[in-house]
All heavy atoms as atom14 arrays in JSON, in Angstrom:
{
  "sequence": "FDDRMPPHLIAAFTRALALDEPVQRRHYDVPHSHLVTQLQN",
  "atom14_mask": [
    [1, 1, 1, 1, 1, 1, 1, 1, 1, 1, 1, 0, 0, 0],
    [1, 1, 1, 1, 1, 1, 1, 1, 0, 0, 0, 0, 0, 0],
    [1, 1, 1, 1, 1, 1, 1, 1, 0, 0, 0, 0, 0, 0],
    [1, 1, 1, 1, 1, 1, 1, 1, 1, 1, 1, 0, 0, 0],
    [1, 1, 1, 1, 1, 1, 1, 1, 0, 0, 0, 0, 0, 0],
    [1, 1, 1, 1, 1, 1, 1, 0, 0, 0, 0, 0, 0, 0],
    [1, 1, 1, 1, 1, 1, 1, 0, 0, 0, 0, 0, 0, 0],
    [1, 1, 1, 1, 1, 1, 1, 1, 1, 1, 0, 0, 0, 0],
    [1, 1, 1, 1, 1, 1, 1, 1, 0, 0, 0, 0, 0, 0],
    [1, 1, 1, 1, 1, 1, 1, 1, 0, 0, 0, 0, 0, 0],
    [1, 1, 1, 1, 1, 0, 0, 0, 0, 0, 0, 0, 0, 0],
    [1, 1, 1, 1, 1, 0, 0, 0, 0, 0, 0, 0, 0, 0],
    [1, 1, 1, 1, 1, 1, 1, 1, 1, 1, 1, 0, 0, 0],
    [1, 1, 1, 1, 1, 1, 1, 0, 0, 0, 0, 0, 0, 0],
    [1, 1, 1, 1, 1, 1, 1, 1, 1, 1, 1, 0, 0, 0],
    [1, 1, 1, 1, 1, 0, 0, 0, 0, 0, 0, 0, 0, 0],
    [1, 1, 1, 1, 1, 1, 1, 1, 0, 0, 0, 0, 0, 0],
    [1, 1, 1, 1, 1, 0, 0, 0, 0, 0, 0, 0, 0, 0],
    [1, 1, 1, 1, 1, 1, 1, 1, 0, 0, 0, 0, 0, 0],
    [1, 1, 1, 1, 1, 1, 1, 1, 0, 0, 0, 0, 0, 0],
    [1, 1, 1, 1, 1, 1, 1, 1, 1, 0, 0, 0, 0, 0],
    [1, 1, 1, 1, 1, 1, 1, 0, 0, 0, 0, 0, 0, 0],
    [1, 1, 1, 1, 1, 1, 1, 0, 0, 0, 0, 0, 0, 0],
    [1, 1, 1, 1, 1, 1, 1, 1, 1, 0, 0, 0, 0, 0],
    [1, 1, 1, 1, 1, 1, 1, 1, 1, 1, 1, 0, 0, 0],
    [1, 1, 1, 1, 1, 1, 1, 1, 1, 1, 1, 0, 0, 0],
    [1, 1, 1, 1, 1, 1, 1, 1, 1, 1, 0, 0, 0, 0],
    [1, 1, 1, 1, 1, 1, 1, 1, 1, 1, 1, 1, 0, 0],
    [1, 1, 1, 1, 1, 1, 1, 1, 0, 0, 0, 0, 0, 0],
    [1, 1, 1, 1, 1, 1, 1, 0, 0, 0, 0, 0, 0, 0],
    [1, 1, 1, 1, 1, 1, 1, 0, 0, 0, 0, 0, 0, 0],
    [1, 1, 1, 1, 1, 1, 1, 1, 1, 1, 0, 0, 0, 0],
    [1, 1, 1, 1, 1, 1, 0, 0, 0, 0, 0, 0, 0, 0],
    [1, 1, 1, 1, 1, 1, 1, 1, 1, 1, 0, 0, 0, 0],
    [1, 1, 1, 1, 1, 1, 1, 1, 0, 0, 0, 0, 0, 0],
    [1, 1, 1, 1, 1, 1, 1, 0, 0, 0, 0, 0, 0, 0],
    [1, 1, 1, 1, 1, 1, 1, 0, 0, 0, 0, 0, 0, 0],
    [1, 1, 1, 1, 1, 1, 1, 1, 1, 0, 0, 0, 0, 0],
    [1, 1, 1, 1, 1, 1, 1, 1, 0, 0, 0, 0, 0, 0],
    [1, 1, 1, 1, 1, 1, 1, 1, 1, 0, 0, 0, 0, 0],
    [1, 1, 1, 1, 1, 1, 1, 1, 0, 0, 0, 0, 0, 0]
  ],
  "atom14_positions": [
    [[7.2, 2.52, -1.18], [7.84, 3.09, -2.38], [8.64, 1.95, -2.99], [9.32, 1.17, -2.38], [8.78, 4.2, -2.0], [8.1, 5.36, -1.34], [8.34, 5.56, 0.03], [7.3, 6.24, -2.01], [7.72, 6.62, 0.68], [6.71, 7.28, -1.33], [6.92, 7.46, -0.05], [0.0, 0.0, 0.0], [0.0, 0.0, 0.0], [0.0, 0.0, 0.0]],
    [[8.48, 1.83, -4.31], [9.34, 0.77, -5.03], [10.4, 1.48, -5.81], [10.6, 2.69, -5.74], [8.4, -0.09, -5.89], [7.73, 0.68, -6.96], [8.15, 1.85, -7.33], [6.8, 0.17, -7.57], [0.0, 0.0, 0.0], [0.0, 0.0, 0.0], [0.0, 0.0, 0.0], [0.0, 0.0, 0.0], [0.0, 0.0, 0.0], [0.0, 0.0, 0.0]],
    [[11.21, 0.71, -6.52], [12.36, 1.26, -7.2], [11.99, 2.13, -8.43], [12.87, 2.78, -9.05], [13.32, 0.17, -7.62], [12.69, -0.92, -8.46], [11.42, -0.9, -8.66], [13.39, -1.72, -9.04], [0.0, 0.0, 0.0], [0.0, 0.0, 0.0], [0.0, 0.0, 0.0], [0.0, 0.0, 0.0], [0.0, 0.0, 0.0], [0.0, 0.0, 0.0]],
    [[10.71, 2.21, -8.78], [10.35, 3.05, -9.89], [9.91, 4.46, -9.4], [9.73, 5.3, -10.23], [9.11, 2.5, -10.61], [9.46, 1.15, -11.26], [8.22, 0.49, -11.84], [7.25, 0.31, -10.8], [6.25, -0.58, -10.75], [6.16, -1.33, -11.82], [5.57, -0.7, -9.69], [0.0, 0.0, 0.0], [0.0, 0.0, 0.0], [0.0, 0.0, 0.0]],
    [[9.82, 4.66, -8.07], [9.5, 5.98, -7.57], [10.6, 6.86, -7.74], [11.8, 6.58, -7.3], [9.07, 5.85, -6.09], [8.76, 7.13, -5.39], [7.32, 7.92, -5.92], [6.06, 6.87, -5.31], [0.0, 0.0, 0.0], [0.0, 0.0, 0.0], [0.0, 0.0, 0.0], [0.0, 0.0, 0.0], [0.0, 0.0, 0.0], [0.0, 0.0, 0.0]],
    [[10.47, 8.05, -8.37], [11.53, 9.04, -8.48], [12.12, 9.4, -7.12], [11.4, 9.74, -6.22], [10.85, 10.22, -9.18], [9.69, 9.66, -9.85], [9.25, 8.55, -8.99], [0.0, 0.0, 0.0], [0.0, 0.0, 0.0], [0.0, 0.0, 0.0], [0.0, 0.0, 0.0], [0.0, 0.0, 0.0], [0.0, 0.0, 0.0], [0.0, 0.0, 0.0]],
    [[13.43, 9.47, -7.01], [14.03, 9.81, -5.75], [13.62, 11.19, -5.21], [13.47, 11.31, -4.04], [15.56, 9.81, -6.1], [15.68, 8.89, -7.24], [14.44, 9.08, -8.01], [0.0, 0.0, 0.0], [0.0, 0.0, 0.0], [0.0, 0.0, 0.0], [0.0, 0.0, 0.0], [0.0, 0.0, 0.0], [0.0, 0.0, 0.0], [0.0, 0.0, 0.0]],
    [[13.4, 12.12, -6.04], [13.02, 13.46, -5.57], [11.63, 13.42, -4.85], [11.4, 14.23, -3.93], [13.07, 14.55, -6.66], [12.05, 14.39, -7.72], [12.17, 13.5, -8.77], [10.88, 15.02, -7.88], [11.13, 13.6, -9.5], [10.25, 14.54, -8.99], [0.0, 0.0, 0.0], [0.0, 0.0, 0.0], [0.0, 0.0, 0.0], [0.0, 0.0, 0.0]],
    [[10.71, 12.53, -5.3], [9.46, 12.41, -4.66], [9.6, 11.76, -3.28], [8.89, 12.21, -2.33], [8.5, 11.67, -5.56], [8.02, 12.36, -6.79], [7.1, 11.52, -7.64], [7.47, 13.72, -6.57], [0.0, 0.0, 0.0], [0.0, 0.0, 0.0], [0.0, 0.0, 0.0], [0.0, 0.0, 0.0], [0.0, 0.0, 0.0], [0.0, 0.0, 0.0]],
    [[10.4, 10.78, -3.21], [10.7, 10.12, -1.88], [11.32, 11.08, -0.95], [10.87, 11.22, 0.23], [11.58, 8.85, -2.06], [10.89, 7.81, -2.91], [11.98, 8.3, -0.69], [11.74, 6.67, -3.28], [0.0, 0.0, 0.0], [0.0, 0.0, 0.0], [0.0, 0.0, 0.0], [0.0, 0.0, 0.0], [0.0, 0.0, 0.0], [0.0, 0.0, 0.0]],
    [[12.26, 11.93, -1.42], [12.84, 12.92, -0.55], [11.81, 13.97, -0.1], [11.84, 14.35, 1.09], [14.03, 13.59, -1.32], [0.0, 0.0, 0.0], [0.0, 0.0, 0.0], [0.0, 0.0, 0.0], [0.0, 0.0, 0.0], [0.0, 0.0, 0.0], [0.0, 0.0, 0.0], [0.0, 0.0, 0.0], [0.0, 0.0, 0.0], [0.0, 0.0, 0.0]],
    [[10.97, 14.42, -1.02], [9.92, 15.38, -0.65], [8.99, 14.83, 0.38], [8.58, 15.43, 1.31], [9.19, 15.82, -1.88], [0.0, 0.0, 0.0], [0.0, 0.0, 0.0], [0.0, 0.0, 0.0], [0.0, 0.0, 0.0], [0.0, 0.0, 0.0], [0.0, 0.0, 0.0], [0.0, 0.0, 0.0], [0.0, 0.0, 0.0], [0.0, 0.0, 0.0]],
    [[8.61, 13.62, 0.19], [7.71, 12.89, 1.16], [8.32, 12.84, 2.52], [7.71, 13.18, 3.54], [7.32, 11.52, 0.66], [6.49, 10.73, 1.62], [5.11, 10.92, 1.65], [7.02, 9.82, 2.45], [4.34, 10.19, 2.55], [6.27, 9.1, 3.38], [4.9, 9.29, 3.4], [0.0, 0.0, 0.0], [0.0, 0.0, 0.0], [0.0, 0.0, 0.0]],
    [[9.56, 12.4, 2.6], [10.26, 12.25, 3.93], [10.46, 13.58, 4.61], [10.29, 13.68, 5.76], [11.5, 11.39, 3.77], [12.36, 12.05, 2.87], [11.2, 9.97, 3.46], [0.0, 0.0, 0.0], [0.0, 0.0, 0.0], [0.0, 0.0, 0.0], [0.0, 0.0, 0.0], [0.0, 0.0, 0.0], [0.0, 0.0, 0.0], [0.0, 0.0, 0.0]],
    [[10.75, 14.65, 3.75], [10.94, 15.94, 4.37], [9.63, 16.45, 4.93], [9.61, 16.95, 6.08], [11.4, 16.95, 3.27], [12.9, 17.16, 3.2], [13.34, 18.32, 2.4], [12.6, 18.4, 1.09], [13.05, 17.8, -0.01], [14.19, 17.11, -0.01], [12.46, 17.92, -1.18], [0.0, 0.0, 0.0], [0.0, 0.0, 0.0], [0.0, 0.0, 0.0]],
    [[8.59, 16.29, 4.18], [7.25, 16.7, 4.67], [6.87, 15.94, 5.92], [6.21, 16.52, 6.81], [6.17, 16.54, 3.62], [0.0, 0.0, 0.0], [0.0, 0.0, 0.0], [0.0, 0.0, 0.0], [0.0, 0.0, 0.0], [0.0, 0.0, 0.0], [0.0, 0.0, 0.0], [0.0, 0.0, 0.0], [0.0, 0.0, 0.0], [0.0, 0.0, 0.0]],
    [[7.11, 14.65, 5.96], [6.81, 13.81, 7.07], [7.55, 14.25, 8.34], [6.98, 14.19, 9.46], [7.07, 12.37, 6.77], [6.5, 11.36, 7.72], [5.04, 11.37, 7.75], [6.91, 9.92, 7.16], [0.0, 0.0, 0.0], [0.0, 0.0, 0.0], [0.0, 0.0, 0.0], [0.0, 0.0, 0.0], [0.0, 0.0, 0.0], [0.0, 0.0, 0.0]],
    [[8.78, 14.76, 8.2], [9.62, 15.09, 9.29], [9.37, 16.52, 9.86], [9.94, 16.93, 10.8], [11.07, 14.95, 8.96], [0.0, 0.0, 0.0], [0.0, 0.0, 0.0], [0.0, 0.0, 0.0], [0.0, 0.0, 0.0], [0.0, 0.0, 0.0], [0.0, 0.0, 0.0], [0.0, 0.0, 0.0], [0.0, 0.0, 0.0], [0.0, 0.0, 0.0]],
    [[8.59, 17.35, 9.14], [8.39, 18.71, 9.52], [7.72, 18.75, 10.95], [6.88, 17.92, 11.24], [7.41, 19.46, 8.55], [8.05, 19.82, 7.21], [7.0, 20.43, 6.33], [9.24, 20.73, 7.39], [0.0, 0.0, 0.0], [0.0, 0.0, 0.0], [0.0, 0.0, 0.0], [0.0, 0.0, 0.0], [0.0, 0.0, 0.0], [0.0, 0.0, 0.0]],
    [[8.12, 19.73, 11.75], [7.5, 19.78, 13.08], [6.53, 20.92, 13.21], [6.02, 21.24, 14.27], [8.65, 19.95, 14.12], [9.38, 21.17, 13.94], [9.3, 21.88, 12.91], [10.29, 21.51, 14.85], [0.0, 0.0, 0.0], [0.0, 0.0, 0.0], [0.0, 0.0, 0.0], [0.0, 0.0, 0.0], [0.0, 0.0, 0.0], [0.0, 0.0, 0.0]],
    [[6.14, 21.55, 12.05], [5.22, 22.64, 12.12], [3.81, 22.05, 12.18], [3.54, 21.01, 11.7], [5.37, 23.62, 11.0], [5.12, 22.97, 9.66], [5.57, 23.92, 8.49], [6.63, 24.59, 8.64], [4.72, 24.01, 7.54], [0.0, 0.0, 0.0], [0.0, 0.0, 0.0], [0.0, 0.0, 0.0], [0.0, 0.0, 0.0], [0.0, 0.0, 0.0]],
    [[2.88, 22.7, 12.77], [1.51, 22.18, 12.97], [0.76, 22.05, 11.61], [1.04, 22.78, 10.67], [0.88, 23.22, 13.78], [1.8, 24.34, 14.11], [3.06, 24.04, 13.44], [0.0, 0.0, 0.0], [0.0, 0.0, 0.0], [0.0, 0.0, 0.0], [0.0, 0.0, 0.0], [0.0, 0.0, 0.0], [0.0, 0.0, 0.0], [0.0, 0.0, 0.0]],
    [[-0.12, 21.09, 11.55], [-0.94, 20.9, 10.37], [-2.3, 21.12, 10.73], [-2.84, 20.73, 11.77], [-0.79, 19.45, 9.91], [-1.61, 19.08, 8.73], [0.68, 19.08, 9.59], [0.0, 0.0, 0.0], [0.0, 0.0, 0.0], [0.0, 0.0, 0.0], [0.0, 0.0, 0.0], [0.0, 0.0, 0.0], [0.0, 0.0, 0.0], [0.0, 0.0, 0.0]],
    [[-2.97, 21.91, 9.87], [-4.44, 22.23, 10.07], [-5.27, 21.08, 9.84], [-5.23, 20.46, 8.68], [-4.85, 23.46, 9.17], [-6.17, 24.01, 9.53], [-6.12, 24.92, 10.72], [-5.08, 25.35, 11.17], [-7.25, 25.24, 11.27], [0.0, 0.0, 0.0], [0.0, 0.0, 0.0], [0.0, 0.0, 0.0], [0.0, 0.0, 0.0], [0.0, 0.0, 0.0]],
    [[-6.08, 20.61, 10.77], [-7.0, 19.44, 10.62], [-8.35, 19.83, 11.17], [-8.46, 20.64, 12.03], [-6.45, 18.27, 11.29], [-5.19, 17.72, 10.67], [-4.9, 16.33, 11.34], [-3.79, 15.7, 10.7], [-2.52, 15.68, 11.03], [-2.23, 16.31, 12.19], [-1.64, 15.08, 10.43], [0.0, 0.0, 0.0], [0.0, 0.0, 0.0], [0.0, 0.0, 0.0]],
    [[-9.33, 19.1, 10.65], [-10.67, 19.3, 11.25], [-10.75, 18.52, 12.56], [-9.89, 17.64, 12.81], [-11.76, 18.76, 10.29], [-11.87, 19.62, 9.04], [-12.89, 19.04, 8.14], [-12.59, 17.6, 7.99], [-12.99, 16.9, 6.87], [-13.55, 17.47, 5.89], [-12.79, 15.62, 6.8], [0.0, 0.0, 0.0], [0.0, 0.0, 0.0], [0.0, 0.0, 0.0]],
    [[-11.74, 18.71, 13.39], [-11.83, 18.2, 14.69], [-11.75, 16.68, 14.75], [-11.04, 16.18, 15.62], [-13.12, 18.69, 15.34], [-13.29, 18.19, 16.74], [-12.51, 18.63, 17.82], [-14.12, 17.3, 17.37], [-12.87, 18.12, 18.91], [-13.85, 17.27, 18.68], [0.0, 0.0, 0.0], [0.0, 0.0, 0.0], [0.0, 0.0, 0.0], [0.0, 0.0, 0.0]],
    [[-12.42, 15.97, 13.86], [-12.49, 14.47, 13.94], [-11.54, 13.75, 13.01], [-11.6, 12.61, 12.77], [-13.88, 14.0, 13.75], [-14.86, 14.44, 14.83], [-15.75, 15.44, 14.6], [-14.75, 13.86, 16.09], [-16.56, 15.9, 15.64], [-15.57, 14.26, 17.12], [-16.51, 15.33, 16.86], [-17.32, 15.74, 17.86], [0.0, 0.0, 0.0], [0.0, 0.0, 0.0]],
    [[-10.57, 14.56, 12.39], [-9.59, 13.87, 11.53], [-8.51, 13.11, 12.28], [-7.76, 12.35, 11.63], [-8.89, 15.03, 10.63], [-9.79, 15.47, 9.54], [-10.85, 14.8, 9.3], [-9.46, 16.46, 8.86], [0.0, 0.0, 0.0], [0.0, 0.0, 0.0], [0.0, 0.0, 0.0], [0.0, 0.0, 0.0], [0.0, 0.0, 0.0], [0.0, 0.0, 0.0]],
    [[-8.31, 13.41, 13.57], [-7.35, 12.68, 14.35], [-7.99, 11.66, 15.24], [-8.86, 11.97, 16.05], [-6.45, 13.73, 15.16], [-5.42, 12.99, 15.98], [-5.9, 14.77, 14.32], [0.0, 0.0, 0.0], [0.0, 0.0, 0.0], [0.0, 0.0, 0.0], [0.0, 0.0, 0.0], [0.0, 0.0, 0.0], [0.0, 0.0, 0.0], [0.0, 0.0, 0.0]],
    [[-7.58, 10.41, 15.03], [-8.38, 9.32, 15.75], [-8.06, 9.33, 17.25], [-8.83, 8.78, 18.03], [-7.89, 8.05, 15.09], [-6.56, 8.35, 14.55], [-6.64, 9.8, 14.15], [0.0, 0.0, 0.0], [0.0, 0.0, 0.0], [0.0, 0.0, 0.0], [0.0, 0.0, 0.0], [0.0, 0.0, 0.0], [0.0, 0.0, 0.0], [0.0, 0.0, 0.0]],
    [[-6.97, 9.83, 17.73], [-6.61, 9.81, 19.12], [-6.55, 11.26, 19.66], [-5.55, 11.95, 19.42], [-5.29, 9.1, 19.35], [-5.23, 7.75, 18.76], [-6.0, 6.7, 19.25], [-4.58, 7.22, 17.67], [-5.74, 5.64, 18.51], [-4.93, 5.95, 17.56], [0.0, 0.0, 0.0], [0.0, 0.0, 0.0], [0.0, 0.0, 0.0], [0.0, 0.0, 0.0]],
    [[-7.56, 11.72, 20.33], [-7.65, 13.06, 20.74], [-6.48, 13.51, 21.73], [-6.11, 14.66, 21.8], [-8.96, 13.34, 21.44], [-9.14, 12.53, 22.58], [0.0, 0.0, 0.0], [0.0, 0.0, 0.0], [0.0, 0.0, 0.0], [0.0, 0.0, 0.0], [0.0, 0.0, 0.0], [0.0, 0.0, 0.0], [0.0, 0.0, 0.0], [0.0, 0.0, 0.0]],
    [[-5.88, 12.53, 22.39], [-4.74, 12.86, 23.29], [-3.55, 13.3, 22.55], [-2.58, 13.77, 23.04], [-4.47, 11.71, 24.25], [-3.89, 10.53, 23.58], [-4.74, 9.58, 22.93], [-2.61, 10.08, 23.48], [-4.03, 8.7, 22.43], [-2.7, 8.88, 22.64], [0.0, 0.0, 0.0], [0.0, 0.0, 0.0], [0.0, 0.0, 0.0], [0.0, 0.0, 0.0]],
    [[-3.47, 13.06, 21.22], [-2.35, 13.43, 20.41], [-2.44, 14.81, 19.81], [-1.57, 15.33, 19.12], [-2.2, 12.5, 19.24], [-1.91, 11.06, 19.49], [-1.91, 10.16, 18.27], [-0.64, 10.87, 20.3], [0.0, 0.0, 0.0], [0.0, 0.0, 0.0], [0.0, 0.0, 0.0], [0.0, 0.0, 0.0], [0.0, 0.0, 0.0], [0.0, 0.0, 0.0]],
    [[-3.63, 15.52, 20.12], [-3.88, 16.77, 19.49], [-3.61, 17.96, 20.42], [-4.02, 17.86, 21.58], [-5.33, 16.83, 19.08], [-5.7, 18.18, 18.46], [-5.67, 15.74, 18.02], [0.0, 0.0, 0.0], [0.0, 0.0, 0.0], [0.0, 0.0, 0.0], [0.0, 0.0, 0.0], [0.0, 0.0, 0.0], [0.0, 0.0, 0.0], [0.0, 0.0, 0.0]],
    [[-2.89, 18.97, 19.96], [-2.77, 20.12, 20.74], [-3.58, 21.21, 20.04], [-3.51, 21.48, 18.86], [-1.28, 20.66, 20.75], [-0.52, 19.62, 21.31], [-1.08, 21.87, 21.46], [0.0, 0.0, 0.0], [0.0, 0.0, 0.0], [0.0, 0.0, 0.0], [0.0, 0.0, 0.0], [0.0, 0.0, 0.0], [0.0, 0.0, 0.0], [0.0, 0.0, 0.0]],
    [[-4.51, 21.84, 20.77], [-5.37, 22.79, 20.21], [-4.69, 24.15, 20.08], [-4.08, 24.67, 21.09], [-6.72, 23.0, 21.03], [-7.53, 21.71, 21.09], [-8.09, 21.37, 19.75], [-8.44, 22.28, 18.92], [-8.3, 20.13, 19.44], [0.0, 0.0, 0.0], [0.0, 0.0, 0.0], [0.0, 0.0, 0.0], [0.0, 0.0, 0.0], [0.0, 0.0, 0.0]],
    [[-4.74, 24.79, 18.96], [-4.24, 26.08, 18.83], [-5.38, 27.11, 19.0], [-6.37, 27.0, 18.43], [-3.67, 26.34, 17.34], [-2.49, 25.39, 16.97], [-2.09, 25.64, 15.5], [-1.31, 25.71, 17.86], [0.0, 0.0, 0.0], [0.0, 0.0, 0.0], [0.0, 0.0, 0.0], [0.0, 0.0, 0.0], [0.0, 0.0, 0.0], [0.0, 0.0, 0.0]],
    [[-5.06, 28.02, 19.91], [-6.15, 29.03, 20.17], [-6.35, 30.03, 19.06], [-7.48, 30.32, 18.67], [-5.8, 29.73, 21.53], [-5.72, 28.87, 22.72], [-7.09, 28.16, 22.95], [-8.14, 28.67, 22.75], [-7.03, 26.9, 23.35], [0.0, 0.0, 0.0], [0.0, 0.0, 0.0], [0.0, 0.0, 0.0], [0.0, 0.0, 0.0], [0.0, 0.0, 0.0]],
    [[-5.26, 30.57, 18.53], [-5.38, 31.55, 17.47], [-4.52, 31.11, 16.29], [-3.63, 31.74, 15.82], [-4.85, 32.9, 17.96], [-5.75, 33.35, 19.07], [-6.95, 33.3, 18.95], [-5.12, 34.01, 20.09], [0.0, 0.0, 0.0], [0.0, 0.0, 0.0], [0.0, 0.0, 0.0], [0.0, 0.0, 0.0], [0.0, 0.0, 0.0], [0.0, 0.0, 0.0]]
  ]
}
């Protein structure tokens, strides 16, 4: 991010990055399978 990036977009990005809720991904979207927790339902 440079100094032209609006502060509210930087704040939104960092908030989204820090969320601890699961993200829906396809099977091969994660390069390291040991980092993935499979949700059954």
